[in-house]
């Protein structure tokens, strides 16, 4: 430990004056030193002290292994850090306003690969936004998580929360350890907080979440904060649906300490569950590979199988099937030559939303601001949850995606363009194909009015005239496209094939 580290006492129940050492902007890593429950409570108290002292504060829970800040704050564990980093959610969509000037982001959707979260380039854009807004970005992050060095390398300051003799190895970040906050009694929090024997009484004292009047006041997501450039239309699920009971910080610390000291014993039922889970995984993999048929699983070979079925059903006279391409015979006069159209193999993901109307509204807003571009809404299922991505779907390759990012950022006056995700997604469902643009647009509007968000691209015809394709979705592979396949089947569009997305924007 460096000799210039200042250690101060902190009471986890009473936010006091903010430490003068943090009277600056930038990113601060709050690292537990010993008791992680005390450290979490201290992190929340420190954030409230800074906010009540007039600072703008953004507190993120990066304890992906055992998140607890949302319980202590009386918030829900909705979309959070992992959703922002991995799935493209905007800061305004995942943030909860705990009090004036204090925004909180939970750990978010559970993940296993912690290192993919800590190594993300999206941290750079968030930290840049914090500096630009002269805000304090607090990252509660245990130093023993795999890959945590990716975040510690980016922060300006490190603060230890706990005991001086239990500060973990910080590696290259040790020279940025500026401040330590220890329990108010100078030793640990066991003397001032309830002991582990208080677990039952602390739990019994919690309000019944089903009893009338027992719920805490709902938190409202910050959507119009000029600091974080939140999407004005980004709304999340009603927090009352999954609200967790509020605990005092001391009680929460005791409950978490008791839980850590008394881990549940493994039973035979646990092994049975593990075996059943492994069998389920094997069935999913087998279904995806096409070895067996599993309802709801789109096989990897679905495209080839569907192509074979369509070829077998083609008319014997050699004429192409109406609305479809791919005949090996010479094209009829005026038939579309989609193979001559450019492949739009990439997308630029602008955001992801849990509600389709919100995503649709955001896409329409962007289309109004940039009428010469195409913005599509693409449904995907991630970890059992339905998300709706808003993407720019007419992007040829990675280089074009970066050029497209700059053009759209200027047209939309976007401040978070670096957070947009460029990805390879060359496949879309071909719903219809026709020579009349107005008819194609009417068909796309009909589908969009239902559950299927569709768009139109133009392809050349054999006689020089244009044909117009109605596409739905933009996916990397058949497995990712499974959600749209089910929507199309439900709408009676069983024959719509998954094809390469080719074409240009109609003029």
Protein backbone atom coordinates (compact mmCIF):
# COMPACT_ATOMS: atom_id res chain seq x y z
CA UNK A 1 0.00 0.00 0.00
CA UNK A 2 1.31 3.47 -0.80
CA UNK A 3 2.05 5.72 2.21
CA UNK A 4 -0.04 8.64 0.89
CA UNK A 5 -3.37 6.76 1.21
CA UNK A 6 -5.72 8.62 3.51
CA UNK A 7 -7.96 6.46 5.71
CA UNK A 8 -11.19 7.93 7.06
CA UNK A 9 -14.16 6.59 8.99
CA UNK A 10 -17.62 6.28 7.45
CA UNK A 11 -21.00 5.50 9.00
CA UNK A 12 -23.01 3.35 6.65
CA UNK A 13 -26.35 4.70 7.95
CA UNK A 14 -25.70 8.44 7.97
CA UNK A 15 -24.39 10.15 4.82
CA UNK A 16 -21.98 12.83 5.99
CA UNK A 17 -19.84 15.40 4.26
CA UNK A 18 -18.23 14.05 1.07
CA UNK A 19 -14.46 13.42 1.24
CA UNK A 20 -12.42 16.30 -0.15
CA UNK A 21 -10.27 13.77 -2.03
CA UNK A 22 -13.23 13.08 -4.35
CA UNK A 23 -13.89 16.71 -5.16
CA UNK A 24 -13.15 16.02 -8.81
CA UNK A 25 -14.72 14.56 -11.90
CA UNK A 26 -14.01 11.25 -13.59
CA UNK A 27 -14.32 7.53 -12.87
CA UNK A 28 -13.73 6.13 -9.36
CA UNK A 29 -13.42 2.41 -8.55
CA UNK A 30 -14.86 1.51 -5.15
CA UNK A 31 -13.04 -1.70 -4.15
CA UNK A 32 -14.12 -3.85 -1.17
CA UNK A 33 -11.37 -4.49 1.39
CA UNK A 34 -12.64 -7.40 3.48
CA UNK A 35 -16.36 -7.47 4.31
CA UNK A 36 -18.13 -7.04 0.97
CA UNK A 37 -21.50 -6.28 2.58
CA UNK A 38 -20.01 -3.36 4.52
CA UNK A 39 -18.26 -2.19 1.35
CA UNK A 40 -21.53 -2.19 -0.63
CA UNK A 41 -23.29 -0.22 2.11
CA UNK A 42 -20.37 2.22 2.28
CA UNK A 43 -20.47 2.68 -1.51
CA UNK A 44 -24.15 3.64 -1.39
CA UNK A 45 -23.56 6.01 1.56
CA UNK A 46 -20.62 7.63 -0.22
CA UNK A 47 -22.70 8.13 -3.39
CA UNK A 48 -25.47 9.81 -1.38
CA UNK A 49 -22.95 12.04 0.41
CA UNK A 50 -21.53 13.24 -2.88
CA UNK A 51 -24.98 13.83 -4.39
CA UNK A 52 -26.23 15.74 -1.36
CA UNK A 53 -23.02 17.77 -1.48
CA UNK A 54 -24.01 19.05 -4.91
CA UNK A 55 -22.20 16.58 -7.17
CA UNK A 56 -23.72 14.68 -10.09
CA UNK A 57 -23.20 10.99 -9.29
CA UNK A 58 -23.61 7.82 -11.36
CA UNK A 59 -23.29 4.66 -9.21
CA UNK A 60 -22.86 1.31 -11.03
CA UNK A 61 -22.93 -2.13 -9.38
CA UNK A 62 -20.15 -4.20 -10.99
CA UNK A 63 -20.31 -6.96 -8.38
CA UNK A 64 -21.53 -9.40 -11.02
CA UNK A 65 -20.91 -12.40 -8.76
CA UNK A 66 -23.10 -11.38 -5.80
CA UNK A 67 -24.89 -8.08 -6.53
CA UNK A 68 -26.63 -6.50 -3.56
CA UNK A 69 -26.59 -2.72 -4.05
CA UNK A 70 -30.08 -2.79 -5.60
CA UNK A 71 -31.47 -4.40 -2.41
CA UNK A 72 -29.80 -1.83 -0.18
CA UNK A 73 -31.03 1.01 -2.39
CA UNK A 74 -34.61 -0.29 -2.49
CA UNK A 75 -34.45 -0.61 -6.29
CA UNK A 76 -35.18 -3.52 -8.60
CA UNK A 77 -32.57 -5.54 -10.45
CA UNK A 78 -33.84 -4.67 -13.89
CA UNK A 79 -31.75 -3.93 -17.01
CA UNK A 80 -28.36 -2.74 -15.81
CA UNK A 81 -24.62 -2.84 -16.35
CA UNK A 82 -24.51 -6.02 -18.44
CA UNK A 83 -27.41 -4.85 -20.61
CA UNK A 84 -25.65 -1.54 -21.27
CA UNK A 85 -22.30 -3.19 -22.07
CA UNK A 86 -23.34 -6.35 -23.93
CA UNK A 87 -26.78 -5.64 -25.38
CA UNK A 88 -26.56 -1.97 -26.35
CA UNK A 89 -29.05 -0.47 -23.88
CA UNK A 90 -28.66 3.28 -23.46
CA UNK A 91 -27.53 4.74 -20.08
CA UNK A 92 -30.90 6.44 -19.70
CA UNK A 93 -32.72 3.11 -20.11
CA UNK A 94 -30.80 1.27 -17.40
CA UNK A 95 -30.44 4.10 -14.85
CA UNK A 96 -32.73 4.56 -11.84
CA UNK A 97 -32.89 7.90 -10.04
CA UNK A 98 -32.46 7.18 -6.31
CA UNK A 99 -32.57 10.82 -5.34
CA UNK A 100 -31.74 14.22 -6.81
CA UNK A 101 -28.41 14.11 -8.72
CA UNK A 102 -27.92 10.38 -7.91
CA UNK A 103 -28.44 7.79 -10.66
CA UNK A 104 -28.03 4.07 -9.97
CA UNK A 105 -27.44 1.16 -12.36
CA UNK A 106 -27.91 -2.40 -11.08
CA UNK A 107 -25.73 -5.34 -12.14
CA UNK A 108 -28.35 -6.19 -14.76
CA UNK A 109 -28.94 -9.48 -16.57
CA UNK A 110 -26.81 -12.27 -14.99
CA UNK A 111 -23.82 -13.37 -17.06
CA UNK A 112 -21.05 -15.94 -16.64
CA UNK A 113 -18.24 -14.41 -18.69
CA UNK A 114 -17.39 -11.44 -16.45
CA UNK A 115 -14.31 -10.60 -18.49
CA UNK A 116 -16.45 -9.78 -21.56
CA UNK A 117 -18.23 -7.11 -19.51
CA UNK A 118 -15.07 -5.59 -18.01
CA UNK A 119 -13.19 -5.57 -21.33
CA UNK A 120 -15.93 -3.78 -23.32
CA UNK A 121 -15.06 -0.59 -25.19
CA UNK A 122 -18.40 0.89 -24.07
CA UNK A 123 -16.80 1.85 -20.74
CA UNK A 124 -14.71 4.42 -22.57
CA UNK A 125 -17.80 6.19 -23.94
CA UNK A 126 -19.50 6.18 -20.52
CA UNK A 127 -16.42 7.59 -18.77
CA UNK A 128 -16.03 10.23 -21.46
CA UNK A 129 -19.66 11.25 -20.93
CA UNK A 130 -19.07 11.50 -17.16
CA UNK A 131 -16.05 13.76 -17.67
CA UNK A 132 -17.93 15.91 -20.15
CA UNK A 133 -20.80 16.32 -17.66
CA UNK A 134 -18.41 17.00 -14.77
CA UNK A 135 -19.96 14.06 -12.96
CA UNK A 136 -18.51 11.48 -10.61
CA UNK A 137 -18.82 7.93 -11.98
CA UNK A 138 -18.64 5.45 -9.07
CA UNK A 139 -17.99 1.81 -10.02
CA UNK A 140 -18.46 -0.66 -7.16
CA UNK A 141 -16.18 -3.48 -8.31
CA UNK A 142 -14.56 -6.30 -6.28
CA UNK A 143 -10.92 -6.74 -7.28
CA UNK A 144 -11.07 -10.55 -7.28
CA UNK A 145 -13.48 -10.96 -10.22
CA UNK A 146 -12.04 -12.43 -13.41
CA UNK A 147 -11.06 -9.79 -15.93
CA UNK A 148 -11.67 -6.85 -13.57
CA UNK A 149 -8.36 -5.32 -14.62
CA UNK A 150 -10.06 -4.15 -17.82
CA UNK A 151 -12.13 -1.66 -15.79
CA UNK A 152 -9.49 -0.81 -13.17
CA UNK A 153 -7.13 0.23 -15.96
CA UNK A 154 -9.62 2.90 -17.09
CA UNK A 155 -10.47 4.62 -13.79
CA UNK A 156 -8.85 7.81 -12.50
CA UNK A 157 -9.05 7.01 -8.78
CA UNK A 158 -9.37 3.91 -6.56
CA UNK A 159 -11.06 4.00 -3.14
CA UNK A 160 -10.81 1.05 -0.73
CA UNK A 161 -13.85 0.26 1.45
CA UNK A 162 -13.12 -1.81 4.56
CA UNK A 163 -9.97 -2.45 6.61
CA UNK A 164 -6.47 -1.17 5.78
CA UNK A 165 -4.95 -4.62 6.34
CA UNK A 166 -7.40 -6.31 3.92
CA UNK A 167 -6.88 -4.16 0.82
CA UNK A 168 -6.68 -6.61 -2.13
CA UNK A 169 -3.97 -6.73 -4.78
CA UNK A 170 -4.83 -3.96 -7.23
CA UNK A 171 -2.04 -4.66 -9.71
CA UNK A 172 -1.23 -1.68 -11.91
CA UNK A 173 -4.10 0.29 -10.35
CA UNK A 174 -2.40 0.38 -6.93
CA UNK A 175 -0.76 3.72 -7.69
CA UNK A 176 -4.26 5.25 -8.09
CA UNK A 177 -5.40 4.17 -4.59
CA UNK A 178 -6.07 7.59 -3.10
CA UNK A 179 -8.51 7.05 -0.25
CA UNK A 180 -9.67 4.38 2.20
CA UNK A 181 -12.98 4.34 4.10
CA UNK A 182 -13.18 2.10 7.15
CA UNK A 183 -16.08 1.37 9.56
CA UNK A 184 -16.90 4.20 11.93
CA UNK A 185 -15.65 2.27 15.00
CA UNK A 186 -12.15 1.99 13.45
CA UNK A 187 -12.00 -1.82 13.28
CA UNK A 188 -14.79 -3.55 11.40
CA UNK A 189 -18.54 -3.32 11.19
CA UNK A 190 -19.30 -6.31 13.39
CA UNK A 191 -19.56 -4.22 16.55
CA UNK A 192 -21.96 -1.62 15.21
CA UNK A 193 -24.03 -3.79 12.84
CA UNK A 194 -26.21 -6.75 13.86
CA UNK A 195 -24.40 -10.09 14.09
CA UNK A 196 -25.06 -13.05 11.85
CA UNK A 197 -27.53 -14.34 14.47
CA UNK A 198 -29.73 -11.39 13.55
CA UNK A 199 -30.41 -12.81 10.08
CA UNK A 200 -33.85 -14.15 10.96
CA UNK A 201 -34.96 -11.07 12.88
CA UNK A 202 -33.73 -8.75 10.14
CA UNK A 203 -35.59 -10.74 7.51
CA UNK A 204 -38.75 -10.89 9.66
CA UNK A 205 -38.68 -7.12 10.01
CA UNK A 206 -38.99 -6.59 6.26
CA UNK A 207 -42.40 -5.45 4.99
CA UNK A 208 -44.55 -8.03 3.26
CA UNK A 209 -44.22 -7.18 -0.46
CA UNK A 210 -47.78 -8.41 -1.04
CA UNK A 211 -49.35 -6.45 1.79
CA UNK A 212 -51.17 -3.26 0.88
CA UNK A 213 -49.10 -0.16 1.52
CA UNK A 214 -45.93 -2.12 2.22
CA UNK A 215 -44.19 -1.41 -1.10
CA UNK A 216 -41.62 1.37 -1.20
CA UNK A 217 -42.33 4.30 -3.46
CA UNK A 218 -41.57 3.30 -7.05
CA UNK A 219 -38.38 4.59 -8.60
CA UNK A 220 -38.61 6.34 -11.93
CA UNK A 221 -36.04 5.87 -14.62
CA UNK A 222 -34.17 8.98 -15.66
CA UNK A 223 -35.05 9.54 -19.32
CA UNK A 224 -34.44 13.24 -19.92
CA UNK A 225 -31.17 13.83 -18.08
CA UNK A 226 -29.01 16.04 -20.29
CA UNK A 227 -25.86 14.56 -18.77
CA UNK A 228 -26.29 11.00 -19.95
CA UNK A 229 -28.05 11.80 -23.26
CA UNK A 230 -30.80 9.33 -22.36
CA UNK A 231 -33.17 8.25 -25.11
CA UNK A 232 -36.34 10.30 -24.48
CA UNK A 233 -38.56 7.41 -25.56
CA UNK A 234 -36.71 4.71 -23.64
CA UNK A 235 -39.03 3.31 -20.99
CA UNK A 236 -38.65 0.09 -19.09
CA UNK A 237 -40.96 -2.31 -17.28
CA UNK A 238 -43.10 -1.09 -14.40
CA UNK A 239 -40.83 -1.33 -11.34
CA UNK A 240 -43.83 -2.22 -9.18
CA UNK A 241 -44.03 -5.60 -10.95
CA UNK A 242 -40.82 -6.90 -9.33
CA UNK A 243 -40.14 -4.44 -6.52
CA UNK A 244 -37.98 -5.80 -3.69
CA UNK A 245 -38.52 -4.77 -0.02
CA UNK A 246 -36.33 -1.98 1.31
CA UNK A 247 -33.91 -2.73 4.19
CA UNK A 248 -31.87 -0.40 6.37
CA UNK A 249 -28.21 -0.45 5.39
CA UNK A 250 -27.15 -2.03 8.69
CA UNK A 251 -29.78 -4.77 8.41
CA UNK A 252 -28.85 -5.47 4.82
CA UNK A 253 -25.20 -5.70 5.80
CA UNK A 254 -26.03 -8.25 8.51
CA UNK A 255 -28.24 -10.31 6.22
CA UNK A 256 -25.61 -10.46 3.49
CA UNK A 257 -22.87 -11.33 6.02
CA UNK A 258 -24.97 -14.14 7.47
CA UNK A 259 -25.73 -15.43 4.00
CA UNK A 260 -22.04 -15.47 3.14
CA UNK A 261 -21.04 -17.26 6.37
CA UNK A 262 -23.77 -19.89 6.12
CA UNK A 263 -23.84 -21.15 2.55
CA UNK A 264 -26.62 -23.60 1.72
CA UNK A 265 -25.66 -27.25 1.77
CA UNK A 266 -25.70 -29.17 -1.46
CA UNK A 267 -28.35 -31.84 -1.65
CA UNK A 268 -29.22 -34.70 -3.94
CA UNK A 269 -31.96 -32.50 -5.45
CA UNK A 270 -29.25 -30.07 -6.57
CA UNK A 271 -27.42 -32.81 -8.45
CA UNK A 272 -30.66 -33.95 -10.07
CA UNK A 273 -31.34 -30.40 -11.21
CA UNK A 274 -27.81 -30.12 -12.65
CA UNK A 275 -28.20 -33.36 -14.62
CA UNK A 276 -31.59 -32.26 -16.00
CA UNK A 277 -30.09 -28.92 -16.97
CA UNK A 278 -27.23 -30.60 -18.85
CA UNK A 279 -29.73 -32.84 -20.68
CA UNK A 280 -31.71 -29.75 -21.66
CA UNK A 281 -28.57 -28.07 -23.02
CA UNK A 282 -27.76 -31.21 -25.04
CA UNK A 283 -31.26 -31.21 -26.55
CA UNK A 284 -30.98 -27.53 -27.51
CA UNK A 285 -27.59 -28.09 -29.17
CA UNK A 286 -28.84 -31.17 -31.01
CA UNK A 287 -31.89 -29.25 -32.23
CA UNK A 288 -29.77 -26.34 -33.42
CA UNK A 289 -27.45 -28.69 -35.32
CA UNK A 290 -30.47 -30.35 -36.94
CA UNK A 291 -29.84 -33.80 -35.42
CA UNK A 292 -33.32 -33.84 -33.89
CA UNK A 293 -36.38 -31.64 -34.16
CA UNK A 294 -37.06 -29.53 -31.08
CA UNK A 295 -40.11 -27.20 -31.05
CA UNK A 296 -39.04 -23.56 -31.04
CA UNK A 297 -35.42 -24.29 -32.13
CA UNK A 298 -34.41 -23.19 -35.63
CA UNK A 299 -31.82 -25.68 -37.00
CA UNK A 300 -28.56 -24.38 -38.37
CA UNK A 301 -29.41 -26.13 -41.63
CA UNK A 302 -32.89 -24.62 -41.87
CA UNK A 303 -31.93 -22.39 -44.80
CA UNK A 304 -30.62 -25.30 -46.89
CA UNK A 305 -33.60 -27.50 -46.08
CA UNK A 306 -36.05 -24.76 -46.97
CA UNK A 307 -34.22 -24.08 -50.23
CA UNK A 308 -34.50 -27.78 -51.15
CA UNK A 309 -38.23 -27.79 -50.42
CA UNK A 310 -38.75 -24.69 -52.55
CA UNK A 311 -36.73 -26.13 -55.45
CA UNK A 312 -38.76 -29.36 -55.37
CA UNK A 313 -42.00 -27.39 -55.43
CA UNK A 314 -40.95 -25.11 -58.33
CA UNK A 315 -43.15 -25.27 -61.48
CA UNK A 316 -41.96 -27.66 -64.18
CA UNK A 317 -42.21 -25.06 -66.95
CA UNK A 318 -39.06 -23.34 -65.73
CA UNK A 319 -40.83 -20.08 -64.90
CA UNK A 320 -39.78 -18.54 -61.60
CA UNK A 321 -42.21 -18.84 -58.73
CA UNK A 322 -44.04 -15.54 -58.16
CA UNK A 323 -42.35 -13.33 -55.60
CA UNK A 324 -39.20 -15.52 -55.34
CA UNK A 325 -35.74 -15.65 -56.87
CA UNK A 326 -33.12 -18.31 -57.38
CA UNK A 327 -34.26 -20.09 -60.56
CA UNK A 328 -31.35 -21.57 -62.49
CA UNK A 329 -33.04 -21.01 -65.83
CA UNK A 330 -32.71 -17.79 -67.78
CA UNK A 331 -34.73 -15.04 -66.09
CA UNK A 332 -38.01 -14.02 -67.65
CA UNK A 333 -38.33 -10.51 -68.99
CA UNK A 334 -38.43 -8.08 -66.11
CA UNK A 335 -37.59 -10.72 -63.45
CA UNK A 336 -35.51 -9.44 -60.51
CA UNK A 337 -31.75 -10.07 -60.48
CA UNK A 338 -31.17 -9.85 -56.75
CA UNK A 339 -27.71 -11.43 -57.10
CA UNK A 340 -26.55 -8.28 -58.89
CA UNK A 341 -27.63 -6.05 -55.99
CA UNK A 342 -25.11 -5.09 -53.26
CA UNK A 343 -25.05 -7.22 -50.12
CA UNK A 344 -25.90 -5.24 -47.00
CA UNK A 345 -23.95 -7.52 -44.65
CA UNK A 346 -23.67 -5.28 -41.58
CA UNK A 347 -25.90 -3.24 -39.31
CA UNK A 348 -25.27 -0.35 -36.95
CA UNK A 349 -27.23 -0.96 -33.75
CA UNK A 350 -28.42 2.35 -32.31
CA UNK A 351 -30.17 0.99 -29.21
CA UNK A 352 -32.14 -1.88 -27.68
CA UNK A 353 -35.49 -1.69 -25.92
CA UNK A 354 -37.74 -4.09 -24.02
CA UNK A 355 -40.94 -2.61 -25.50
CA UNK A 356 -41.66 -2.78 -29.25
CA UNK A 357 -43.73 0.46 -29.38
CA UNK A 358 -40.82 2.33 -27.80
CA UNK A 359 -38.37 0.86 -30.32
CA UNK A 360 -40.75 1.65 -33.18
CA UNK A 361 -41.14 5.23 -31.95
CA UNK A 362 -37.36 5.63 -31.72
CA UNK A 363 -36.88 4.27 -35.26
CA UNK A 364 -39.54 6.66 -36.59
CA UNK A 365 -37.87 9.57 -34.78
CA UNK A 366 -34.53 8.74 -36.41
CA UNK A 367 -36.16 8.33 -39.84
CA UNK A 368 -37.68 11.79 -39.50
CA UNK A 369 -34.30 13.32 -38.65
CA UNK A 370 -32.47 11.37 -41.38
CA UNK A 371 -35.07 10.67 -44.13
CA UNK A 372 -32.43 9.40 -46.57
CA UNK A 373 -31.56 6.45 -44.29
CA UNK A 374 -33.37 3.24 -43.30
CA UNK A 375 -33.93 2.32 -39.65
CA UNK A 376 -35.35 -1.12 -38.85
CA UNK A 377 -36.67 -2.70 -35.65
CA UNK A 378 -35.27 -6.19 -35.12
CA UNK A 379 -36.64 -8.49 -32.37
CA UNK A 380 -34.20 -10.85 -30.63
CA UNK A 381 -34.39 -13.14 -27.62
CA UNK A 382 -31.50 -12.70 -25.15
CA UNK A 383 -31.29 -14.86 -22.02
CA UNK A 384 -35.01 -15.58 -22.19
CA UNK A 385 -35.99 -11.91 -22.55
CA UNK A 386 -37.37 -10.24 -25.70
CA UNK A 387 -35.45 -7.17 -26.89
CA UNK A 388 -36.10 -4.92 -29.87
CA UNK A 389 -33.02 -3.51 -31.55
CA UNK A 390 -33.14 -0.31 -33.56
CA UNK A 391 -30.61 -0.69 -36.38
CA UNK A 392 -29.49 1.01 -39.54
CA UNK A 393 -29.76 -1.97 -41.90
CA UNK A 394 -28.19 -0.68 -45.12
CA UNK A 395 -24.47 -1.08 -44.35
CA UNK A 396 -22.13 -3.02 -46.64
CA UNK A 397 -19.14 -3.77 -44.39
CA UNK A 398 -17.24 -2.76 -41.25
CA UNK A 399 -15.56 0.24 -42.91
CA UNK A 400 -18.90 1.50 -44.19
CA UNK A 401 -20.34 1.04 -40.69
CA UNK A 402 -17.80 3.50 -39.25
CA UNK A 403 -18.44 6.02 -42.01
CA UNK A 404 -22.17 5.51 -41.49
CA UNK A 405 -21.73 6.14 -37.74
CA UNK A 406 -20.22 9.57 -38.44
CA UNK A 407 -22.94 10.54 -40.93
CA UNK A 408 -25.78 9.47 -38.64
CA UNK A 409 -24.24 11.11 -35.58
CA UNK A 410 -24.24 14.42 -37.44
CA UNK A 411 -27.76 13.96 -38.84
CA UNK A 412 -29.25 12.88 -35.51
CA UNK A 413 -27.09 15.23 -33.41
CA UNK A 414 -26.26 12.19 -31.29
CA UNK A 415 -23.78 12.46 -28.41
CA UNK A 416 -23.55 8.70 -27.77
CA UNK A 417 -22.61 7.54 -31.28
CA UNK A 418 -19.51 5.73 -30.01
CA UNK A 419 -21.84 3.43 -28.10
CA UNK A 420 -23.57 2.26 -31.28
CA UNK A 421 -22.57 -1.30 -32.12
CA UNK A 422 -21.47 -2.32 -35.63
CA UNK A 423 -22.01 -6.04 -36.24
CA UNK A 424 -22.20 -8.55 -39.08
CA UNK A 425 -25.86 -9.43 -39.69
CA UNK A 426 -26.33 -10.25 -43.39
CA UNK A 427 -29.55 -12.31 -43.20
CA UNK A 428 -33.15 -11.12 -43.47
CA UNK A 429 -36.46 -12.83 -44.23
CA UNK A 430 -37.76 -12.20 -47.76
CA UNK A 431 -41.48 -11.63 -47.26
CA UNK A 432 -42.46 -10.35 -50.70
CA UNK A 433 -41.01 -9.17 -54.02
CA UNK A 434 -42.83 -7.11 -56.64
CA UNK A 435 -42.23 -4.59 -59.45
CA UNK A 436 -44.36 -1.81 -57.96
CA UNK A 437 -42.74 0.28 -55.20
CA UNK A 438 -46.00 1.66 -53.84
CA UNK A 439 -47.40 -1.86 -53.49
CA UNK A 440 -44.23 -3.05 -51.74
CA UNK A 441 -44.41 -0.16 -49.27
CA UNK A 442 -48.09 -0.88 -48.58
CA UNK A 443 -47.19 -4.49 -47.83
CA UNK A 444 -44.39 -3.42 -45.49
CA UNK A 445 -46.72 -1.00 -43.69
CA UNK A 446 -49.35 -3.74 -43.25
CA UNK A 447 -46.78 -6.05 -41.66
CA UNK A 448 -45.38 -3.30 -39.43
CA UNK A 449 -48.89 -2.48 -38.21
CA UNK A 450 -48.99 -6.03 -36.88
CA UNK A 451 -46.07 -7.70 -35.09
CA UNK A 452 -43.59 -7.83 -37.97
CA UNK A 453 -41.46 -4.74 -38.62
CA UNK A 454 -40.70 -4.76 -42.36
CA UNK A 455 -38.78 -2.53 -44.75
CA UNK A 456 -38.21 -2.20 -48.52
CA UNK A 457 -35.04 -2.39 -50.62
CA UNK A 458 -34.72 -2.12 -54.40
CA UNK A 459 -33.00 -4.70 -56.64
CA UNK A 460 -32.35 -4.56 -60.43
CA UNK A 461 -34.56 -6.35 -62.91
CA UNK A 462 -33.55 -8.21 -66.07
CA UNK A 463 -35.06 -5.50 -68.29
CA UNK A 464 -33.39 -2.66 -66.40
CA UNK A 465 -36.45 -1.80 -64.34
CA UNK A 466 -36.33 -2.06 -60.56
CA UNK A 467 -38.03 -4.62 -58.37
CA UNK A 468 -38.74 -4.09 -54.71
CA UNK A 469 -38.13 -6.58 -51.92
CA UNK A 470 -39.95 -6.54 -48.57
CA UNK A 471 -37.58 -7.72 -45.83
CA UNK A 472 -38.02 -8.42 -42.12
CA UNK A 473 -35.23 -8.57 -39.54
CA UNK A 474 -31.43 -8.42 -39.77
CA UNK A 475 -29.60 -11.38 -38.21
CA UNK A 476 -26.18 -12.98 -37.97
CA UNK A 477 -27.43 -16.58 -38.36
CA UNK A 478 -30.52 -18.79 -38.40
CA UNK A 479 -30.43 -19.37 -34.64
CA UNK A 480 -30.60 -15.65 -33.90
CA UNK A 481 -33.39 -15.31 -36.46
CA UNK A 482 -35.58 -17.88 -34.66
CA UNK A 483 -37.73 -15.22 -32.99
CA UNK A 484 -38.69 -13.66 -36.35
CA UNK A 485 -39.28 -17.11 -37.85
CA UNK A 486 -41.89 -17.77 -35.15
CA UNK A 487 -43.53 -14.38 -35.72
CA UNK A 488 -43.74 -15.03 -39.46
CA UNK A 489 -45.18 -18.51 -38.92
CA UNK A 490 -47.78 -17.04 -36.58
CA UNK A 491 -48.76 -14.56 -39.28
CA UNK A 492 -49.18 -17.35 -41.84
CA UNK A 493 -45.98 -16.47 -43.75
CA UNK A 494 -44.59 -20.00 -43.56
CA UNK A 495 -42.78 -19.79 -46.90
CA UNK A 496 -40.76 -16.63 -46.27
CA UNK A 497 -37.10 -17.73 -46.66
CA UNK A 498 -34.08 -16.46 -44.74
CA UNK A 499 -31.80 -14.94 -47.40
CA UNK A 500 -28.90 -12.56 -47.80
CA UNK A 501 -30.09 -8.97 -47.50
CA UNK A 502 -29.37 -7.43 -50.90
CA UNK A 503 -30.58 -4.19 -52.42
CA UNK A 504 -30.35 -0.44 -52.10
CA UNK A 505 -32.59 2.24 -50.68
CA UNK A 506 -35.38 3.11 -53.12
CA UNK A 507 -34.95 6.62 -54.47
